[in-house]
């Protein structure tokens, strides 16, 4: 678990991920949270079932790098966002992050704070040397989060910016 000023970032277990995917508020009940406004699109559901769930079952992997971390507002006792790693560190010690804030909680600085929390956690992990991310060029809110957390734009393609943050 990671704690910041306003937030708790909680990594979800395999069983909790199953409840997350159901999106029937059973996860909130288990975590003793108020119901959230999370929307799971068919594309997201497929990604979770095809990527995250199999990785969580693999006992050779550190599940903290394979699961979603739910972002909980301490005052509201409610999940407001999610952040995740795209697997364990690569050969260069890089881990990629992905994130999203639930629509009604956007623009409140939650993700900037959550990304700072996850960077601080990652910096304490032995094999991690850098955190990387990719954002669509049109997603100003997403890359602003990275800029506020001192990520440097490393490269770009026609549609995306690629970002890098050195933790060592």
Protein backbone atom coordinates (compact mmCIF):
# COMPACT_ATOMS: atom_id res chain seq x y z
CA UNK A 1 0.00 0.00 0.00
CA UNK A 2 1.17 3.53 -0.78
CA UNK A 3 -0.07 6.56 1.10
CA UNK A 4 0.12 10.16 -0.06
CA UNK A 5 -1.38 13.32 1.39
CA UNK A 6 -4.93 12.68 0.13
CA UNK A 7 -4.72 9.18 -1.30
CA UNK A 8 -4.16 5.51 -0.64
CA UNK A 9 -2.92 3.38 -3.54
CA UNK A 10 -3.86 -0.24 -2.93
CA UNK A 11 -2.64 -3.10 -5.13
CA UNK A 12 -5.43 -5.52 -5.97
CA UNK A 13 -5.09 -9.28 -5.50
CA UNK A 14 -6.28 -11.78 -8.10
CA UNK A 15 -9.62 -12.24 -6.30
CA UNK A 16 -10.04 -8.47 -5.96
CA UNK A 17 -9.32 -8.06 -9.70
CA UNK A 18 -12.15 -10.50 -10.45
CA UNK A 19 -14.47 -8.29 -8.40
CA UNK A 20 -13.10 -5.17 -10.11
CA UNK A 21 -13.92 -6.64 -13.53
CA UNK A 22 -17.45 -7.60 -12.40
CA UNK A 23 -17.96 -3.93 -11.53
CA UNK A 24 -20.87 -4.81 -9.24
CA UNK A 25 -19.57 -2.85 -6.21
CA UNK A 26 -18.43 -6.08 -4.50
CA UNK A 27 -14.85 -4.76 -4.49
CA UNK A 28 -15.93 -1.55 -2.78
CA UNK A 29 -17.85 -3.62 -0.22
CA UNK A 30 -14.77 -5.75 0.49
CA UNK A 31 -12.54 -2.69 0.85
CA UNK A 32 -15.20 -0.86 2.91
CA UNK A 33 -15.40 1.97 0.37
CA UNK A 34 -18.26 4.05 -0.93
CA UNK A 35 -19.35 3.02 -4.42
CA UNK A 36 -17.39 4.53 -7.27
CA UNK A 37 -18.41 5.66 -10.73
CA UNK A 38 -15.93 3.42 -12.52
CA UNK A 39 -16.80 2.41 -16.08
CA UNK A 40 -15.23 -0.70 -17.59
CA UNK A 41 -15.37 -0.58 -21.35
CA UNK A 42 -15.36 -3.85 -23.32
CA UNK A 43 -11.83 -2.98 -24.49
CA UNK A 44 -10.61 -2.49 -20.90
CA UNK A 45 -12.35 -5.66 -19.71
CA UNK A 46 -10.66 -7.64 -22.47
CA UNK A 47 -7.26 -6.16 -21.61
CA UNK A 48 -7.71 -7.00 -17.93
CA UNK A 49 -8.77 -10.56 -18.67
CA UNK A 50 -6.10 -11.18 -21.31
CA UNK A 51 -3.15 -9.44 -19.65
CA UNK A 52 -3.48 -8.63 -15.97
CA UNK A 53 -5.33 -11.72 -14.71
CA UNK A 54 -2.89 -14.23 -16.29
CA UNK A 55 0.07 -12.24 -14.94
CA UNK A 56 -1.44 -12.25 -11.46
CA UNK A 57 -1.70 -16.05 -11.59
CA UNK A 58 1.99 -16.41 -12.49
CA UNK A 59 3.74 -17.11 -9.18
CA UNK A 60 7.12 -16.31 -10.75
CA UNK A 61 6.10 -12.67 -11.17
CA UNK A 62 5.91 -9.97 -8.54
CA UNK A 63 2.17 -9.23 -8.56
CA UNK A 64 2.78 -5.59 -7.57
CA UNK A 65 4.10 -5.00 -11.10
CA UNK A 66 1.20 -6.90 -12.70
CA UNK A 67 -1.94 -5.65 -11.01
CA UNK A 68 -4.04 -2.53 -10.87
CA UNK A 69 -3.52 -0.26 -7.91
CA UNK A 70 -6.81 1.38 -6.99
CA UNK A 71 -6.47 5.03 -5.99
CA UNK A 72 -8.64 5.82 -2.98
CA UNK A 73 -9.56 9.30 -1.75
CA UNK A 74 -9.06 9.12 2.03
CA UNK A 75 -11.74 11.71 2.84
CA UNK A 76 -14.42 10.31 0.53
CA UNK A 77 -13.52 6.62 1.12
CA UNK A 78 -13.98 6.09 -2.61
CA UNK A 79 -11.89 4.81 -5.53
CA UNK A 80 -11.25 7.74 -7.86
CA UNK A 81 -8.66 6.32 -10.27
CA UNK A 82 -6.37 3.42 -11.13
CA UNK A 83 -2.68 3.14 -11.84
CA UNK A 84 -0.68 0.13 -12.97
CA UNK A 85 2.68 -1.06 -14.16
CA UNK A 86 2.97 -2.80 -17.52
CA UNK A 87 4.98 -5.66 -16.00
CA UNK A 88 8.24 -6.07 -14.16
CA UNK A 89 11.36 -3.98 -14.91
CA UNK A 90 12.94 -4.66 -18.30
CA UNK A 91 16.68 -5.26 -18.89
CA UNK A 92 17.36 -1.52 -18.50
CA UNK A 93 15.47 -1.38 -15.19
CA UNK A 94 12.54 0.50 -16.75
CA UNK A 95 8.94 0.00 -15.72
CA UNK A 96 6.07 1.44 -17.71
CA UNK A 97 3.07 2.96 -15.99
CA UNK A 98 -0.48 3.44 -17.14
CA UNK A 99 -3.24 5.33 -15.36
CA UNK A 100 -6.71 6.72 -15.55
CA UNK A 101 -8.96 8.89 -13.41
CA UNK A 102 -12.70 8.16 -13.26
CA UNK A 103 -14.55 10.86 -15.17
CA UNK A 104 -16.26 12.64 -12.26
CA UNK A 105 -12.91 13.00 -10.43
CA UNK A 106 -10.84 14.39 -13.30
CA UNK A 107 -9.19 17.79 -12.93
CA UNK A 108 -8.70 17.53 -9.16
CA UNK A 109 -5.02 16.59 -9.13
CA UNK A 110 -5.59 13.00 -8.06
CA UNK A 111 -3.50 11.48 -10.81
CA UNK A 112 -0.61 13.90 -10.37
CA UNK A 113 -0.50 12.88 -6.69
CA UNK A 114 -0.95 9.16 -7.44
CA UNK A 115 1.84 9.15 -10.04
CA UNK A 116 4.14 10.89 -7.53
CA UNK A 117 3.28 8.19 -4.99
CA UNK A 118 3.94 5.33 -7.41
CA UNK A 119 7.25 6.92 -8.51
CA UNK A 120 8.36 7.18 -4.88
CA UNK A 121 7.47 3.52 -4.35
CA UNK A 122 9.22 2.44 -7.57
CA UNK A 123 12.39 4.31 -6.59
CA UNK A 124 12.69 2.01 -3.55
CA UNK A 125 12.51 -1.19 -5.63
CA UNK A 126 15.92 -2.75 -6.21
CA UNK A 127 15.68 -3.40 -9.96
CA UNK A 128 13.93 -0.17 -10.95
CA UNK A 129 16.08 2.54 -12.51
CA UNK A 130 13.45 4.47 -14.47
CA UNK A 131 9.72 4.88 -14.96
CA UNK A 132 8.46 5.30 -18.51
CA UNK A 133 5.07 6.15 -20.02
CA UNK A 134 3.45 6.85 -23.37
CA UNK A 135 0.62 9.30 -23.97
CA UNK A 136 -1.46 10.23 -26.97
CA UNK A 137 -0.42 13.63 -28.26
CA UNK A 138 -4.03 14.75 -27.97
CA UNK A 139 -4.34 13.74 -24.29
CA UNK A 140 -3.12 16.97 -22.70
CA UNK A 141 -4.33 15.99 -19.21
CA UNK A 142 -2.34 12.75 -19.28
CA UNK A 143 0.95 14.24 -20.36
CA UNK A 144 0.49 17.22 -18.03
CA UNK A 145 0.47 14.71 -15.13
CA UNK A 146 3.85 13.45 -16.32
CA UNK A 147 5.26 16.95 -16.82
CA UNK A 148 4.19 17.90 -13.28
CA UNK A 149 6.07 14.84 -12.03
CA UNK A 150 9.26 15.84 -13.88
CA UNK A 151 9.09 13.23 -16.64
CA UNK A 152 11.11 14.18 -19.70
CA UNK A 153 9.80 13.70 -23.22
CA UNK A 154 12.20 11.19 -24.72
CA UNK A 155 10.76 10.64 -28.18
CA UNK A 156 7.58 10.84 -30.18
CA UNK A 157 5.77 9.11 -32.99
CA UNK A 158 3.02 10.47 -35.18
CA UNK A 159 0.43 9.83 -32.45
CA UNK A 160 2.31 9.50 -29.15
CA UNK A 161 4.84 11.08 -26.82
CA UNK A 162 7.20 8.76 -24.93
CA UNK A 163 8.25 9.85 -21.46
CA UNK A 164 11.09 8.95 -19.08
CA UNK A 165 11.74 9.54 -15.39
CA UNK A 166 15.03 8.38 -13.84
CA UNK A 167 14.69 7.17 -10.24
CA UNK A 168 18.38 6.47 -9.68
